[in-house]
Amino acid sequence: MAIELKAAEAVEFAERIEHDAANLYRCAADMTTDVAVRDVLVKMAQAEVRHGEILADIRSGLKANPAAKPLDERSLEVLPVLADIIVTGAWQDISSRLRSDAVDGTVLCNAVGFEKDCIIFYSQLRDAVHRSEDRDRIDWIIRDELGHVAVLAGDLTRRMC
């Protein structure tokens, strides 16, 4: 039996990703003794909270439309795979580093991978929503996530030089 996933459900999953990412960044910030790393991680957590709020608003609009179409075939195929990559990929690497109390440049490197995975997920999610206003807001999140990659990668470059 085919699963009929609606855009609102895909956006709800994205909200959970942002919520969990904010918690993860906060936890890492609390554990690190490096002030510069802490500042970066706190900023990332704050940004993830903003993303979650935007996504909650998008989902609210989608749920208000009971006739919302199910996701197209490509989105049905790709979004669950991308979500799995996010949850089991770089995210797990970050979590394992936190458990080992090794909050350092390695965590930042793993966070870059996590943010890149999110960009790919949101690029597909953007195609799953139909209102141009919602697409524009997802585009904004994508640009913000690209900024996160630049900030994290820049911090890593400074540490390695």
Foldseek 3Di string as FASTA:
>chain_A
DADQAALLNLLVLLLVLLQVLLVLLCLLLVLDPDPVSNVLSNVSSVLSVVLSVLSVVVSVVQVVDPVGHTFDPVLSPPLVVLSCCLVPPLVVVLVVCSVVSNSDLVNLVSVLVNLVSSLVNLVSSLVRDDDVVSNVSSVVSSVVSVVSNVVSVVVSVVVVD
